[in-house]
Amino acid sequence: MTKTGPRLEEITPGNLDAALGVAVRPDQEHAVAPVVKSLAEAYVHPGTAWPRLIVDGDRPVGFLMAFLDIDWYENGTVHRSGLWRLNIAAGEQGRGYGRFAVESVAEELRRRGGKELYVTWHPGPDGPEGFYLGLGFRPNGETSGDQTVGVLDLA
């Protein structure tokens, strides 16, 4: 029997190719790294990176990677968790998978005792700002490189 509805799967040898095949629309490639880069970063940041394939039925529809308890300023003063990457496959966008991904990360962070979920996005009309604001994130006044930092209260 095939499982239906979106779910997250750990990245395994059995679904690695499916994860690597997730590609956003060409006009979005400037705003999010490809899955292969995310998985390389997950490999060099074990325990911090939380990569997952988003599957609906037997179909890979997206990829997410959360970050867990990182030293935000690299000086031991602030630790944060949040959404590091979100790649929804070009042909699967607009079907609620992005919302599912954010809600899944929020659920995982709550399970781990987290109170806030952080994300960064490229500002501008072709970026994901509207998506994140629509989910309740608010800019916190910070930037990370050239990206806006947003936070969602998990209380």
C-alpha atoms as a PDB file:
ATOM      1  CA  MET A   1       0.000   0.000   0.000  1.00  0.00           C
ATOM      2  CA  THR A   2       1.303   3.467  -0.904  1.00  0.00           C
ATOM      3  CA  LYS A   3       1.455   6.109   1.814  1.00  0.00           C
ATOM      4  CA  THR A   4      -0.424   9.265   0.850  1.00  0.00           C
ATOM      5  CA  GLY A   5      -0.068  12.846   1.961  1.00  0.00           C
ATOM      6  CA  PRO A   6       3.181  14.686   2.465  1.00  0.00           C
ATOM      7  CA  ARG A   7       5.755  13.323   4.848  1.00  0.00           C
ATOM      8  CA  LEU A   8       9.435  13.760   5.613  1.00  0.00           C
ATOM      9  CA  GLU A   9      12.007  11.048   5.021  1.00  0.00           C
ATOM     10  CA  GLU A  10      15.593  10.900   6.229  1.00  0.00           C
ATOM     11  CA  ILE A  11      18.074  10.946   3.369  1.00  0.00           C
ATOM     12  CA  THR A  12      19.270   7.387   2.779  1.00  0.00           C
ATOM     13  CA  PRO A  13      21.110   5.518   0.025  1.00  0.00           C
ATOM     14  CA  GLY A  14      17.680   4.441  -1.193  1.00  0.00           C
ATOM     15  CA  ASN A  15      16.328   7.960  -1.745  1.00  0.00           C
ATOM     16  CA  LEU A  16      19.526   9.923  -2.379  1.00  0.00           C
ATOM     17  CA  ASP A  17      18.976  10.125  -6.139  1.00  0.00           C
ATOM     18  CA  ALA A  18      15.392  11.278  -5.597  1.00  0.00           C
ATOM     19  CA  ALA A  19      16.629  14.031  -3.280  1.00  0.00           C
ATOM     20  CA  LEU A  20      19.316  15.096  -5.745  1.00  0.00           C
ATOM     21  CA  GLY A  21      16.658  15.285  -8.452  1.00  0.00           C
ATOM     22  CA  VAL A  22      14.659  17.977  -6.647  1.00  0.00           C
ATOM     23  CA  ALA A  23      15.132  21.202  -8.613  1.00  0.00           C
ATOM     24  CA  VAL A  24      13.419  24.569  -8.180  1.00  0.00           C
ATOM     25  CA  ARG A  25      12.303  26.735 -11.100  1.00  0.00           C
ATOM     26  CA  PRO A  26      15.196  28.315 -13.042  1.00  0.00           C
ATOM     27  CA  ASP A  27      14.162  31.812 -11.909  1.00  0.00           C
ATOM     28  CA  GLN A  28      14.538  30.682  -8.267  1.00  0.00           C
ATOM     29  CA  GLU A  29      18.000  29.151  -8.541  1.00  0.00           C
ATOM     30  CA  HIS A  30      19.682  32.386  -7.416  1.00  0.00           C
ATOM     31  CA  ALA A  31      17.743  32.297  -4.143  1.00  0.00           C
ATOM     32  CA  VAL A  32      18.414  28.746  -2.895  1.00  0.00           C
ATOM     33  CA  ALA A  33      21.356  26.377  -3.159  1.00  0.00           C
ATOM     34  CA  PRO A  34      20.852  23.083  -4.975  1.00  0.00           C
ATOM     35  CA  VAL A  35      20.208  19.961  -2.923  1.00  0.00           C
ATOM     36  CA  VAL A  36      23.677  18.584  -3.665  1.00  0.00           C
ATOM     37  CA  LYS A  37      25.277  21.582  -1.893  1.00  0.00           C
ATOM     38  CA  SER A  38      22.924  21.197   1.059  1.00  0.00           C
ATOM     39  CA  LEU A  39      23.812  17.532   1.437  1.00  0.00           C
ATOM     40  CA  ALA A  40      27.519  18.349   1.275  1.00  0.00           C
ATOM     41  CA  GLU A  41      26.994  20.930   4.030  1.00  0.00           C
ATOM     42  CA  ALA A  42      25.018  18.394   6.054  1.00  0.00           C
ATOM     43  CA  TYR A  43      27.942  15.994   5.751  1.00  0.00           C
ATOM     44  CA  VAL A  44      30.407  18.526   7.173  1.00  0.00           C
ATOM     45  CA  HIS A  45      27.966  19.746   9.869  1.00  0.00           C
ATOM     46  CA  PRO A  46      26.749  16.488  11.451  1.00  0.00           C
ATOM     47  CA  GLY A  47      24.488  17.046  14.426  1.00  0.00           C
ATOM     48  CA  THR A  48      23.681  20.573  13.279  1.00  0.00           C
ATOM     49  CA  ALA A  49      22.154  19.925   9.852  1.00  0.00           C
ATOM     50  CA  TRP A  50      18.818  18.099   9.636  1.00  0.00           C
ATOM     51  CA  PRO A  51      18.176  17.267   5.940  1.00  0.00           C
ATOM     52  CA  ARG A  52      14.884  15.669   4.856  1.00  0.00           C
ATOM     53  CA  LEU A  53      13.238  14.686   1.593  1.00  0.00           C
ATOM     54  CA  ILE A  54       9.617  15.798   1.257  1.00  0.00           C
ATOM     55  CA  VAL A  55       7.568  13.005  -0.287  1.00  0.00           C
ATOM     56  CA  ASP A  56       3.906  12.787  -1.260  1.00  0.00           C
ATOM     57  CA  GLY A  57       2.839   9.220  -1.906  1.00  0.00           C
ATOM     58  CA  ASP A  58       5.830   7.831  -3.783  1.00  0.00           C
ATOM     59  CA  ARG A  59       6.712  11.191  -5.382  1.00  0.00           C
ATOM     60  CA  PRO A  60       9.612  13.354  -4.169  1.00  0.00           C
ATOM     61  CA  VAL A  61       8.222  16.912  -4.098  1.00  0.00           C
ATOM     62  CA  GLY A  62      10.850  18.847  -2.184  1.00  0.00           C
ATOM     63  CA  PHE A  63      13.794  18.994   0.148  1.00  0.00           C
ATOM     64  CA  LEU A  64      14.369  20.844   3.386  1.00  0.00           C
ATOM     65  CA  MET A  65      17.293  21.209   5.713  1.00  0.00           C
ATOM     66  CA  ALA A  66      16.967  22.598   9.197  1.00  0.00           C
ATOM     67  CA  PHE A  67      19.796  23.819  11.390  1.00  0.00           C
ATOM     68  CA  LEU A  68      19.804  22.778  15.039  1.00  0.00           C
ATOM     69  CA  ASP A  69      21.277  24.835  17.837  1.00  0.00           C
ATOM     70  CA  ILE A  70      23.962  26.668  15.873  1.00  0.00           C
ATOM     71  CA  ASP A  71      26.259  29.251  17.415  1.00  0.00           C
ATOM     72  CA  TRP A  72      24.718  32.155  15.472  1.00  0.00           C
ATOM     73  CA  TYR A  73      27.452  34.747  16.047  1.00  0.00           C
ATOM     74  CA  GLU A  74      30.211  32.130  16.429  1.00  0.00           C
ATOM     75  CA  ASN A  75      31.111  33.486  19.854  1.00  0.00           C
ATOM     76  CA  GLY A  76      28.973  31.331  22.168  1.00  0.00           C
ATOM     77  CA  THR A  77      26.445  34.043  23.018  1.00  0.00           C
ATOM     78  CA  VAL A  78      23.420  33.077  20.905  1.00  0.00           C
ATOM     79  CA  HIS A  79      22.244  29.656  19.735  1.00  0.00           C
ATOM     80  CA  ARG A  80      19.432  29.341  17.205  1.00  0.00           C
ATOM     81  CA  SER A  81      17.562  26.713  15.230  1.00  0.00           C
ATOM     82  CA  GLY A  82      15.582  27.073  12.061  1.00  0.00           C
ATOM     83  CA  LEU A  83      15.084  26.405   8.388  1.00  0.00           C
ATOM     84  CA  TRP A  84      18.353  26.423   6.452  1.00  0.00           C
ATOM     85  CA  ARG A  85      17.125  25.372   3.013  1.00  0.00           C
ATOM     86  CA  LEU A  86      13.784  24.824   1.331  1.00  0.00           C
ATOM     87  CA  ASN A  87      13.627  23.509  -2.220  1.00  0.00           C
ATOM     88  CA  ILE A  88      10.196  22.699  -3.603  1.00  0.00           C
ATOM     89  CA  ALA A  89      10.357  21.002  -7.003  1.00  0.00           C
ATOM     90  CA  ALA A  90       9.399  23.294  -9.875  1.00  0.00           C
ATOM     91  CA  GLY A  91       6.331  21.286 -10.871  1.00  0.00           C
ATOM     92  CA  GLU A  92       5.136  20.856  -7.275  1.00  0.00           C
ATOM     93  CA  GLN A  93       4.963  24.486  -6.147  1.00  0.00           C
ATOM     94  CA  GLY A  94       1.694  26.042  -5.032  1.00  0.00           C
ATOM     95  CA  ARG A  95       0.366  22.794  -3.537  1.00  0.00           C
ATOM     96  CA  GLY A  96       1.111  23.450   0.139  1.00  0.00           C
ATOM     97  CA  TYR A  97       4.404  21.566   0.348  1.00  0.00           C
ATOM     98  CA  GLY A  98       6.345  24.648   1.446  1.00  0.00           C
ATOM     99  CA  ARG A  99       3.890  25.284   4.269  1.00  0.00           C
ATOM    100  CA  PHE A 100       4.084  21.590   5.203  1.00  0.00           C
ATOM    101  CA  ALA A 101       7.883  21.838   5.318  1.00  0.00           C
ATOM    102  CA  VAL A 102       7.897  24.889   7.603  1.00  0.00           C
ATOM    103  CA  GLU A 103       5.261  23.354   9.879  1.00  0.00           C
ATOM    104  CA  SER A 104       7.288  20.123  10.048  1.00  0.00           C
ATOM    105  CA  VAL A 105      10.438  21.985  11.085  1.00  0.00           C
ATOM    106  CA  ALA A 106       8.416  23.951  13.654  1.00  0.00           C
ATOM    107  CA  GLU A 107       7.062  20.676  15.057  1.00  0.00           C
ATOM    108  CA  GLU A 108      10.563  19.181  15.282  1.00  0.00           C
ATOM    109  CA  LEU A 109      11.942  22.275  17.018  1.00  0.00           C
ATOM    110  CA  ARG A 110       9.044  22.307  19.507  1.00  0.00           C
ATOM    111  CA  ARG A 111       9.727  18.609  20.198  1.00  0.00           C
ATOM    112  CA  ARG A 112      13.315  19.596  21.004  1.00  0.00           C
ATOM    113  CA  GLY A 113      12.159  22.419  23.307  1.00  0.00           C
ATOM    114  CA  GLY A 114      12.646  25.256  20.824  1.00  0.00           C
ATOM    115  CA  LYS A 115      10.743  28.522  21.229  1.00  0.00           C
ATOM    116  CA  GLU A 116      11.644  30.206  17.920  1.00  0.00           C
ATOM    117  CA  LEU A 117      12.250  29.158  14.325  1.00  0.00           C
ATOM    118  CA  TYR A 118      14.661  31.262  12.259  1.00  0.00           C
ATOM    119  CA  VAL A 119      14.958  31.561   8.491  1.00  0.00           C
ATOM    120  CA  THR A 120      16.796  33.814   6.055  1.00  0.00           C
ATOM    121  CA  TRP A 121      15.649  34.917   2.627  1.00  0.00           C
ATOM    122  CA  HIS A 122      16.835  36.953  -0.296  1.00  0.00           C
ATOM    123  CA  PRO A 123      14.873  40.222  -0.315  1.00  0.00           C
ATOM    124  CA  GLY A 124      13.218  41.471  -3.471  1.00  0.00           C
ATOM    125  CA  PRO A 125      10.154  40.894  -5.587  1.00  0.00           C
ATOM    126  CA  ASP A 126      11.305  37.513  -6.904  1.00  0.00           C
ATOM    127  CA  GLY A 127      12.286  36.143  -3.484  1.00  0.00           C
ATOM    128  CA  PRO A 128      10.300  34.137  -0.919  1.00  0.00           C
ATOM    129  CA  GLU A 129       9.636  37.007   1.506  1.00  0.00           C
ATOM    130  CA  GLY A 130       5.856  36.979   0.923  1.00  0.00           C
ATOM    131  CA  PHE A 131       5.740  33.246   1.539  1.00  0.00           C
ATOM    132  CA  TYR A 132       7.542  33.527   4.878  1.00  0.00           C
ATOM    133  CA  LEU A 133       5.631  36.616   6.024  1.00  0.00           C
ATOM    134  CA  GLY A 134       2.387  34.819   5.150  1.00  0.00           C
ATOM    135  CA  LEU A 135       3.386  31.993   7.495  1.00  0.00           C
ATOM    136  CA  GLY A 136       3.901  34.432  10.374  1.00  0.00           C
ATOM    137  CA  PHE A 137       7.654  35.056  10.230  1.00  0.00           C
ATOM    138  CA  ARG A 138       8.710  38.585  11.049  1.00  0.00           C
ATOM    139  CA  PRO A 139      11.993  40.248  10.118  1.00  0.00           C
ATOM    140  CA  ASN A 140      14.003  40.765  13.304  1.00  0.00           C
ATOM    141  CA  GLY A 141      16.104  43.635  11.948  1.00  0.00           C
ATOM    142  CA  GLU A 142      19.178  41.485  11.295  1.00  0.00           C
ATOM    143  CA  THR A 143      20.775  40.366   8.085  1.00  0.00           C
ATOM    144  CA  SER A 144      22.936  37.346   7.362  1.00  0.00           C
ATOM    145  CA  GLY A 145      25.144  38.274   4.441  1.00  0.00           C
ATOM    146  CA  ASP A 146      22.697  39.841   1.995  1.00  0.00           C
ATOM    147  CA  GLN A 147      19.695  37.958   3.376  1.00  0.00           C
ATOM    148  CA  THR A 148      16.922  39.106   5.698  1.00  0.00           C
ATOM    149  CA  VAL A 149      16.644  37.205   8.985  1.00  0.00           C
ATOM    150  CA  GLY A 150      13.125  36.270  10.009  1.00  0.00           C
ATOM    151  CA  VAL A 151      11.802  34.593  13.132  1.00  0.00           C
ATOM    152  CA  LEU A 152       8.630  32.697  13.937  1.00  0.00           C
ATOM    153  CA  ASP A 153       7.446  32.405  17.541  1.00  0.00           C
ATOM    154  CA  LEU A 154       6.723  28.757  18.319  1.00  0.00           C
ATOM    155  CA  ALA A 155       4.854  29.382  21.576  1.00  0.00           C
END
